[in-house]
Each structure stands twice: as C-alpha cells, then as structure tokens.
Amino acid sequence: SGGESGHAESVQVTFDPTQVTYGDLLQVFF
C-alpha cells in the first residue's frame, strides 16, 4: 500500500479452459 514495493494488487484465477478461455477472461478483464 506504500506504493514502492514494485508489486501490483493482483488476482490469480484458476479456470477450466474447456469452459472459458483465456481470451474470454481477458475480454471480461478489459
């Protein structure tokens, strides 16, 4: 939270690519 760590607050998403693709997730993300 100090802003100097180099980290971004991130989210790790585990998914079934036979149901939703990485491209699908990118579309939701953007």
Full PDB file with SEQRES, HELIX, SHEET, SSBOND, CRYST1, ORIGX, SCALE, CONECT and MASTER records, all heavy atoms in Angstrom:
SEQRES   1 A   30  SER GLY GLY GLU SER GLY HIS ALA GLU SER VAL GLN VAL          
SEQRES   2 A   30  THR PHE ASP PRO THR GLN VAL THR TYR GLY ASP LEU LEU          
SEQRES   3 A   30  GLN VAL PHE PHE                                              
HELIX    1 AA1 TYR A   22  PHE A   29  1                                   8    
CRYST1    1.000    1.000    1.000  90.00  90.00  90.00 P 1           1          
ORIGX1      1.000000  0.000000  0.000000        0.00000                         
ORIGX2      0.000000  1.000000  0.000000        0.00000                         
ORIGX3      0.000000  0.000000  1.000000        0.00000                         
SCALE1      1.000000  0.000000  0.000000        0.00000                         
SCALE2      0.000000  1.000000  0.000000        0.00000                         
SCALE3      0.000000  0.000000  1.000000        0.00000                         
ATOM      1  N   SER A   1       0.813  -1.214   0.000  1.00  0.00           N  
ATOM      2  CA  SER A   1       0.000   0.000   0.000  1.00  0.00           C  
ATOM      3  C   SER A   1       0.846   1.263   0.000  1.00  0.00           C  
ATOM      4  O   SER A   1       0.352   2.341  -0.336  1.00  0.00           O  
ATOM      5  CB  SER A   1      -0.950   0.007   1.210  1.00  0.00           C  
ATOM      6  OG  SER A   1      -1.906  -1.026   1.099  1.00  0.00           O  
ATOM      7  N   GLY A   2       2.120   1.150   0.358  1.00  0.00           N  
ATOM      8  CA  GLY A   2       3.011   2.304   0.316  1.00  0.00           C  
ATOM      9  C   GLY A   2       3.390   2.712  -1.092  1.00  0.00           C  
ATOM     10  O   GLY A   2       3.884   3.823  -1.316  1.00  0.00           O  
ATOM     11  N   GLY A   3       3.207   1.812  -2.061  1.00  0.00           N  
ATOM     12  CA  GLY A   3       3.432   2.153  -3.456  1.00  0.00           C  
ATOM     13  C   GLY A   3       4.842   2.018  -3.965  1.00  0.00           C  
ATOM     14  O   GLY A   3       5.105   2.334  -5.130  1.00  0.00           O  
ATOM     15  N   GLU A   4       5.765   1.530  -3.121  1.00  0.00           N  
ATOM     16  CA  GLU A   4       7.166   1.458  -3.539  1.00  0.00           C  
ATOM     17  C   GLU A   4       7.685   0.027  -3.667  1.00  0.00           C  
ATOM     18  O   GLU A   4       8.866  -0.183  -3.926  1.00  0.00           O  
ATOM     19  CB  GLU A   4       8.052   2.208  -2.534  1.00  0.00           C  
ATOM     20  CG  GLU A   4       7.665   3.673  -2.309  1.00  0.00           C  
ATOM     21  CD  GLU A   4       7.812   4.510  -3.566  1.00  0.00           C  
ATOM     22  OE1 GLU A   4       8.682   4.189  -4.389  1.00  0.00           O  
ATOM     23  OE2 GLU A   4       7.051   5.481  -3.724  1.00  0.00           O  
ATOM     24  N   SER A   5       6.834  -0.970  -3.513  1.00  0.00           N  
ATOM     25  CA  SER A   5       7.279  -2.373  -3.464  1.00  0.00           C  
ATOM     26  C   SER A   5       7.509  -2.985  -4.838  1.00  0.00           C  
ATOM     27  O   SER A   5       8.173  -4.018  -4.958  1.00  0.00           O  
ATOM     28  CB  SER A   5       6.244  -3.226  -2.727  1.00  0.00           C  
ATOM     29  OG  SER A   5       5.051  -3.312  -3.486  1.00  0.00           O  
ATOM     30  N   GLY A   6       6.965  -2.384  -5.870  1.00  0.00           N  
ATOM     31  CA  GLY A   6       7.008  -2.996  -7.204  1.00  0.00           C  
ATOM     32  C   GLY A   6       5.845  -3.929  -7.459  1.00  0.00           C  
ATOM     33  O   GLY A   6       5.578  -4.305  -8.601  1.00  0.00           O  
ATOM     34  N   HIS A   7       5.150  -4.307  -6.397  1.00  0.00           N  
ATOM     35  CA  HIS A   7       4.009  -5.203  -6.543  1.00  0.00           C  
ATOM     36  C   HIS A   7       2.796  -4.463  -7.091  1.00  0.00           C  
ATOM     37  O   HIS A   7       2.629  -3.262  -6.875  1.00  0.00           O  
ATOM     38  CB  HIS A   7       3.613  -5.800  -5.189  1.00  0.00           C  
ATOM     39  CG  HIS A   7       4.493  -6.910  -4.720  1.00  0.00           C  
ATOM     40  ND1 HIS A   7       4.549  -8.136  -5.355  1.00  0.00           N  
ATOM     41  CD2 HIS A   7       5.346  -6.991  -3.662  1.00  0.00           C  
ATOM     42  CE1 HIS A   7       5.401  -8.932  -4.711  1.00  0.00           C  
ATOM     43  NE2 HIS A   7       5.898  -8.259  -3.690  1.00  0.00           N  
ATOM     44  N   ALA A   8       1.951  -5.202  -7.765  1.00  0.00           N  
ATOM     45  CA  ALA A   8       0.600  -4.766  -8.083  1.00  0.00           C  
ATOM     46  C   ALA A   8      -0.357  -5.634  -7.282  1.00  0.00           C  
ATOM     47  O   ALA A   8      -0.078  -6.816  -7.051  1.00  0.00           O  
ATOM     48  CB  ALA A   8       0.309  -4.928  -9.566  1.00  0.00           C  
ATOM     49  N   GLU A   9      -1.444  -5.048  -6.831  1.00  0.00           N  
ATOM     50  CA  GLU A   9      -2.501  -5.881  -6.260  1.00  0.00           C  
ATOM     51  C   GLU A   9      -3.028  -6.724  -7.405  1.00  0.00           C  
ATOM     52  O   GLU A   9      -3.523  -6.194  -8.401  1.00  0.00           O  
ATOM     53  CB  GLU A   9      -3.613  -5.022  -5.659  1.00  0.00           C  
ATOM     54  CG  GLU A   9      -3.212  -4.334  -4.378  1.00  0.00           C  
ATOM     55  CD  GLU A   9      -4.418  -3.826  -3.583  1.00  0.00           C  
ATOM     56  OE1 GLU A   9      -5.557  -4.181  -3.928  1.00  0.00           O  
ATOM     57  OE2 GLU A   9      -4.204  -3.077  -2.617  1.00  0.00           O  
ATOM     58  N   SER A  10      -2.894  -8.035  -7.282  1.00  0.00           N  
ATOM     59  CA  SER A  10      -3.204  -8.915  -8.406  1.00  0.00           C  
ATOM     60  C   SER A  10      -4.201  -9.989  -8.005  1.00  0.00           C  
ATOM     61  O   SER A  10      -4.526 -10.163  -6.828  1.00  0.00           O  
ATOM     62  CB  SER A  10      -1.912  -9.561  -8.930  1.00  0.00           C  
ATOM     63  OG  SER A  10      -1.279 -10.317  -7.899  1.00  0.00           O  
ATOM     64  N   VAL A  11      -4.674 -10.693  -9.010  1.00  0.00           N  
ATOM     65  CA  VAL A  11      -5.656 -11.753  -8.796  1.00  0.00           C  
ATOM     66  C   VAL A  11      -5.228 -12.978  -9.587  1.00  0.00           C  
ATOM     67  O   VAL A  11      -4.981 -12.896 -10.796  1.00  0.00           O  
ATOM     68  CB  VAL A  11      -7.060 -11.293  -9.242  1.00  0.00           C  
ATOM     69  CG1 VAL A  11      -8.054 -12.444  -9.141  1.00  0.00           C  
ATOM     70  CG2 VAL A  11      -7.530 -10.117  -8.405  1.00  0.00           C  
ATOM     71  N   GLN A  12      -5.117 -14.096  -8.888  1.00  0.00           N  
ATOM     72  CA  GLN A  12      -4.785 -15.375  -9.522  1.00  0.00           C  
ATOM     73  C   GLN A  12      -6.091 -16.114  -9.807  1.00  0.00           C  
ATOM     74  O   GLN A  12      -6.854 -16.413  -8.891  1.00  0.00           O  
ATOM     75  CB  GLN A  12      -3.899 -16.199  -8.603  1.00  0.00           C  
ATOM     76  CG  GLN A  12      -3.440 -17.530  -9.194  1.00  0.00           C  
ATOM     77  CD  GLN A  12      -2.726 -18.385  -8.154  1.00  0.00           C  
ATOM     78  OE1 GLN A  12      -3.333 -18.818  -7.175  1.00  0.00           O  
ATOM     79  NE2 GLN A  12      -1.432 -18.600  -8.345  1.00  0.00           N  
ATOM     80  N   VAL A  13      -6.335 -16.375 -11.075  1.00  0.00           N  
ATOM     81  CA  VAL A  13      -7.585 -17.016 -11.500  1.00  0.00           C  
ATOM     82  C   VAL A  13      -7.278 -18.401 -12.059  1.00  0.00           C  
ATOM     83  O   VAL A  13      -6.525 -18.536 -13.027  1.00  0.00           O  
ATOM     84  CB  VAL A  13      -8.298 -16.165 -12.568  1.00  0.00           C  
ATOM     85  CG1 VAL A  13      -9.572 -16.860 -13.044  1.00  0.00           C  
ATOM     86  CG2 VAL A  13      -8.611 -14.773 -12.025  1.00  0.00           C  
ATOM     87  N   THR A  14      -7.863 -19.407 -11.439  1.00  0.00           N  
ATOM     88  CA  THR A  14      -7.774 -20.772 -11.954  1.00  0.00           C  
ATOM     89  C   THR A  14      -9.079 -21.068 -12.680  1.00  0.00           C  
ATOM     90  O   THR A  14     -10.167 -20.799 -12.156  1.00  0.00           O  
ATOM     91  CB  THR A  14      -7.559 -21.781 -10.818  1.00  0.00           C  
ATOM     92  OG1 THR A  14      -6.382 -21.412 -10.075  1.00  0.00           O  
ATOM     93  CG2 THR A  14      -7.365 -23.186 -11.359  1.00  0.00           C  
ATOM     94  N   PHE A  15      -8.970 -21.593 -13.885  1.00  0.00           N  
ATOM     95  CA  PHE A  15     -10.164 -21.792 -14.704  1.00  0.00           C  
ATOM     96  C   PHE A  15     -10.064 -23.058 -15.537  1.00  0.00           C  
ATOM     97  O   PHE A  15      -8.979 -23.624 -15.721  1.00  0.00           O  
ATOM     98  CB  PHE A  15     -10.400 -20.579 -15.607  1.00  0.00           C  
ATOM     99  CG  PHE A  15      -9.296 -20.306 -16.605  1.00  0.00           C  
ATOM    100  CD1 PHE A  15      -9.419 -20.684 -17.938  1.00  0.00           C  
ATOM    101  CD2 PHE A  15      -8.134 -19.649 -16.215  1.00  0.00           C  
ATOM    102  CE1 PHE A  15      -8.405 -20.426 -18.852  1.00  0.00           C  
ATOM    103  CE2 PHE A  15      -7.112 -19.376 -17.127  1.00  0.00           C  
ATOM    104  CZ  PHE A  15      -7.245 -19.770 -18.449  1.00  0.00           C  
ATOM    105  N   ASP A  16     -11.212 -23.502 -16.020  1.00  0.00           N  
ATOM    106  CA  ASP A  16     -11.307 -24.665 -16.892  1.00  0.00           C  
ATOM    107  C   ASP A  16     -11.353 -24.163 -18.329  1.00  0.00           C  
ATOM    108  O   ASP A  16     -12.380 -23.628 -18.765  1.00  0.00           O  
ATOM    109  CB  ASP A  16     -12.575 -25.459 -16.552  1.00  0.00           C  
ATOM    110  CG  ASP A  16     -12.732 -26.719 -17.397  1.00  0.00           C  
ATOM    111  OD1 ASP A  16     -12.042 -26.844 -18.432  1.00  0.00           O  
ATOM    112  OD2 ASP A  16     -13.566 -27.570 -17.025  1.00  0.00           O  
ATOM    113  N   PRO A  17     -10.264 -24.311 -19.093  1.00  0.00           N  
ATOM    114  CA  PRO A  17     -10.225 -23.749 -20.453  1.00  0.00           C  
ATOM    115  C   PRO A  17     -11.154 -24.446 -21.436  1.00  0.00           C  
ATOM    116  O   PRO A  17     -11.315 -23.967 -22.565  1.00  0.00           O  
ATOM    117  CB  PRO A  17      -8.757 -23.893 -20.850  1.00  0.00           C  
ATOM    118  CG  PRO A  17      -8.241 -25.000 -20.006  1.00  0.00           C  
ATOM    119  CD  PRO A  17      -8.982 -24.916 -18.706  1.00  0.00           C  
ATOM    120  N   THR A  18     -11.776 -25.552 -21.022  1.00  0.00           N  
ATOM    121  CA  THR A  18     -12.783 -26.160 -21.891  1.00  0.00           C  
ATOM    122  C   THR A  18     -14.138 -25.471 -21.719  1.00  0.00           C  
ATOM    123  O   THR A  18     -15.059 -25.698 -22.506  1.00  0.00           O  
ATOM    124  CB  THR A  18     -12.945 -27.667 -21.592  1.00  0.00           C  
ATOM    125  OG1 THR A  18     -13.512 -27.853 -20.285  1.00  0.00           O  
ATOM    126  CG2 THR A  18     -11.612 -28.390 -21.678  1.00  0.00           C  
ATOM    127  N   GLN A  19     -14.259 -24.626 -20.674  1.00  0.00           N  
ATOM    128  CA  GLN A  19     -15.499 -23.899 -20.425  1.00  0.00           C  
ATOM    129  C   GLN A  19     -15.366 -22.401 -20.685  1.00  0.00           C  
ATOM    130  O   GLN A  19     -16.309 -21.756 -21.145  1.00  0.00           O  
ATOM    131  CB  GLN A  19     -15.958 -24.111 -18.974  1.00  0.00           C  
ATOM    132  CG  GLN A  19     -16.293 -25.552 -18.624  1.00  0.00           C  
ATOM    133  CD  GLN A  19     -16.822 -25.661 -17.209  1.00  0.00           C  
ATOM    134  OE1 GLN A  19     -17.602 -24.829 -16.752  1.00  0.00           O  
ATOM    135  NE2 GLN A  19     -16.396 -26.691 -16.496  1.00  0.00           N  
ATOM    136  N   VAL A  20     -14.219 -21.844 -20.344  1.00  0.00           N  
ATOM    137  CA  VAL A  20     -13.965 -20.425 -20.562  1.00  0.00           C  
ATOM    138  C   VAL A  20     -12.501 -20.277 -20.953  1.00  0.00           C  
ATOM    139  O   VAL A  20     -11.625 -20.886 -20.337  1.00  0.00           O  
ATOM    140  CB  VAL A  20     -14.293 -19.600 -19.296  1.00  0.00           C  
ATOM    141  CG1 VAL A  20     -13.422 -20.008 -18.107  1.00  0.00           C  
ATOM    142  CG2 VAL A  20     -14.181 -18.112 -19.563  1.00  0.00           C  
ATOM    143  N   THR A  21     -12.214 -19.511 -21.982  1.00  0.00           N  
ATOM    144  CA  THR A  21     -10.846 -19.412 -22.465  1.00  0.00           C  
ATOM    145  C   THR A  21     -10.116 -18.228 -21.834  1.00  0.00           C  
ATOM    146  O   THR A  21     -10.738 -17.333 -21.252  1.00  0.00           O  
ATOM    147  CB  THR A  21     -10.821 -19.241 -23.997  1.00  0.00           C  
ATOM    148  OG1 THR A  21     -11.360 -17.948 -24.332  1.00  0.00           O  
ATOM    149  CG2 THR A  21     -11.639 -20.331 -24.678  1.00  0.00           C  
ATOM    150  N   TYR A  22      -8.817 -18.227 -22.001  1.00  0.00           N  
ATOM    151  CA  TYR A  22      -8.015 -17.090 -21.543  1.00  0.00           C  
ATOM    152  C   TYR A  22      -8.474 -15.821 -22.252  1.00  0.00           C  
ATOM    153  O   TYR A  22      -8.577 -14.754 -21.640  1.00  0.00           O  
ATOM    154  CB  TYR A  22      -6.540 -17.357 -21.814  1.00  0.00           C  
ATOM    155  CG  TYR A  22      -5.608 -16.252 -21.367  1.00  0.00           C  
ATOM    156  CD1 TYR A  22      -5.533 -15.872 -20.027  1.00  0.00           C  
ATOM    157  CD2 TYR A  22      -4.791 -15.584 -22.277  1.00  0.00           C  
ATOM    158  CE1 TYR A  22      -4.674 -14.856 -19.604  1.00  0.00           C  
ATOM    159  CE2 TYR A  22      -3.918 -14.580 -21.870  1.00  0.00           C  
ATOM    160  CZ  TYR A  22      -3.868 -14.219 -20.535  1.00  0.00           C  
ATOM    161  OH  TYR A  22      -3.017 -13.209 -20.123  1.00  0.00           O  
ATOM    162  N   GLY A  23      -8.798 -15.941 -23.525  1.00  0.00           N  
ATOM    163  CA  GLY A  23      -9.302 -14.782 -24.264  1.00  0.00           C  
ATOM    164  C   GLY A  23     -10.610 -14.268 -23.701  1.00  0.00           C  
ATOM    165  O   GLY A  23     -10.830 -13.052 -23.616  1.00  0.00           O  
ATOM    166  N   ASP A  24     -11.497 -15.176 -23.287  1.00  0.00           N  
ATOM    167  CA  ASP A  24     -12.745 -14.770 -22.654  1.00  0.00           C  
ATOM    168  C   ASP A  24     -12.468 -13.965 -21.379  1.00  0.00           C  
ATOM    169  O   ASP A  24     -13.099 -12.938 -21.122  1.00  0.00           O  
ATOM    170  CB  ASP A  24     -13.588 -15.994 -22.275  1.00  0.00           C  
ATOM    171  CG  ASP A  24     -14.144 -16.745 -23.476  1.00  0.00           C  
ATOM    172  OD1 ASP A  24     -14.350 -16.115 -24.534  1.00  0.00           O  
ATOM    173  OD2 ASP A  24     -14.362 -17.966 -23.345  1.00  0.00           O  
ATOM    174  N   LEU A  25     -11.537 -14.456 -20.585  1.00  0.00           N  
ATOM    175  CA  LEU A  25     -11.210 -13.776 -19.332  1.00  0.00           C  
ATOM    176  C   LEU A  25     -10.606 -12.401 -19.605  1.00  0.00           C  
ATOM    177  O   LEU A  25     -10.889 -11.437 -18.882  1.00  0.00           O  
ATOM    178  CB  LEU A  25     -10.247 -14.629 -18.506  1.00  0.00           C  
ATOM    179  CG  LEU A  25     -10.779 -15.980 -18.017  1.00  0.00           C  
ATOM    180  CD1 LEU A  25      -9.700 -16.713 -17.209  1.00  0.00           C  
ATOM    181  CD2 LEU A  25     -12.046 -15.820 -17.187  1.00  0.00           C  
ATOM    182  N   LEU A  26      -9.788 -12.307 -20.636  1.00  0.00           N  
ATOM    183  CA  LEU A  26      -9.221 -11.006 -20.998  1.00  0.00           C  
ATOM    184  C   LEU A  26     -10.323 -10.031 -21.400  1.00  0.00           C  
ATOM    185  O   LEU A  26     -10.272  -8.846 -21.044  1.00  0.00           O  
ATOM    186  CB  LEU A  26      -8.226 -11.159 -22.146  1.00  0.00           C  
ATOM    187  CG  LEU A  26      -6.859 -11.763 -21.825  1.00  0.00           C  
ATOM    188  CD1 LEU A  26      -6.047 -11.905 -23.109  1.00  0.00           C  
ATOM    189  CD2 LEU A  26      -6.094 -10.921 -20.814  1.00  0.00           C  
ATOM    190  N   GLN A  27     -11.315 -10.514 -22.128  1.00  0.00           N  
ATOM    191  CA  GLN A  27     -12.404  -9.637 -22.542  1.00  0.00           C  
ATOM    192  C   GLN A  27     -13.165  -9.112 -21.331  1.00  0.00           C  
ATOM    193  O   GLN A  27     -13.501  -7.927 -21.259  1.00  0.00           O  
ATOM    194  CB  GLN A  27     -13.349 -10.375 -23.495  1.00  0.00           C  
ATOM    195  CG  GLN A  27     -14.380  -9.462 -24.151  1.00  0.00           C  
ATOM    196  CD  GLN A  27     -15.270 -10.189 -25.147  1.00  0.00           C  
ATOM    197  OE1 GLN A  27     -15.293 -11.426 -25.204  1.00  0.00           O  
ATOM    198  NE2 GLN A  27     -16.014  -9.426 -25.932  1.00  0.00           N  
ATOM    199  N   VAL A  28     -13.432  -9.964 -20.350  1.00  0.00           N  
ATOM    200  CA  VAL A  28     -14.083  -9.535 -19.112  1.00  0.00           C  
ATOM    201  C   VAL A  28     -13.191  -8.550 -18.353  1.00  0.00           C  
ATOM    202  O   VAL A  28     -13.657  -7.528 -17.834  1.00  0.00           O  
ATOM    203  CB  VAL A  28     -14.415 -10.751 -18.223  1.00  0.00           C  
ATOM    204  CG1 VAL A  28     -14.855 -10.314 -16.833  1.00  0.00           C  
ATOM    205  CG2 VAL A  28     -15.493 -11.608 -18.872  1.00  0.00           C  
ATOM    206  N   PHE A  29     -11.908  -8.842 -18.298  1.00  0.00           N  
ATOM    207  CA  PHE A  29     -10.944  -8.002 -17.593  1.00  0.00           C  
ATOM    208  C   PHE A  29     -10.922  -6.586 -18.165  1.00  0.00           C  
ATOM    209  O   PHE A  29     -11.030  -5.595 -17.425  1.00  0.00           O  
ATOM    210  CB  PHE A  29      -9.561  -8.645 -17.704  1.00  0.00           C  
ATOM    211  CG  PHE A  29      -8.421  -7.831 -17.154  1.00  0.00           C  
ATOM    212  CD1 PHE A  29      -8.294  -7.598 -15.796  1.00  0.00           C  
ATOM    213  CD2 PHE A  29      -7.448  -7.321 -18.003  1.00  0.00           C  
ATOM    214  CE1 PHE A  29      -7.229  -6.852 -15.288  1.00  0.00           C  
ATOM    215  CE2 PHE A  29      -6.378  -6.590 -17.513  1.00  0.00           C  
ATOM    216  CZ  PHE A  29      -6.272  -6.344 -16.151  1.00  0.00           C  
ATOM    217  N   PHE A  30     -10.814  -6.475 -19.477  1.00  0.00           N  
ATOM    218  CA  PHE A  30     -10.730  -5.152 -20.095  1.00  0.00           C  
ATOM    219  C   PHE A  30     -12.071  -4.431 -20.128  1.00  0.00           C  
ATOM    220  O   PHE A  30     -12.116  -3.200 -20.039  1.00  0.00           O  
ATOM    221  CB  PHE A  30     -10.190  -5.280 -21.525  1.00  0.00           C  
ATOM    222  CG  PHE A  30      -8.716  -5.566 -21.610  1.00  0.00           C  
ATOM    223  CD1 PHE A  30      -8.245  -6.701 -22.245  1.00  0.00           C  
ATOM    224  CD2 PHE A  30      -7.795  -4.698 -21.046  1.00  0.00           C  
ATOM    225  CE1 PHE A  30      -6.887  -6.969 -22.332  1.00  0.00           C  
ATOM    226  CE2 PHE A  30      -6.424  -4.951 -21.121  1.00  0.00           C  
ATOM    227  CZ  PHE A  30      -5.978  -6.098 -21.759  1.00  0.00           C  
TER     228      PHE A  30                                                      
MASTER        0    0    0    1    0    0    0    6  227    1    0    3          
END                                                                             
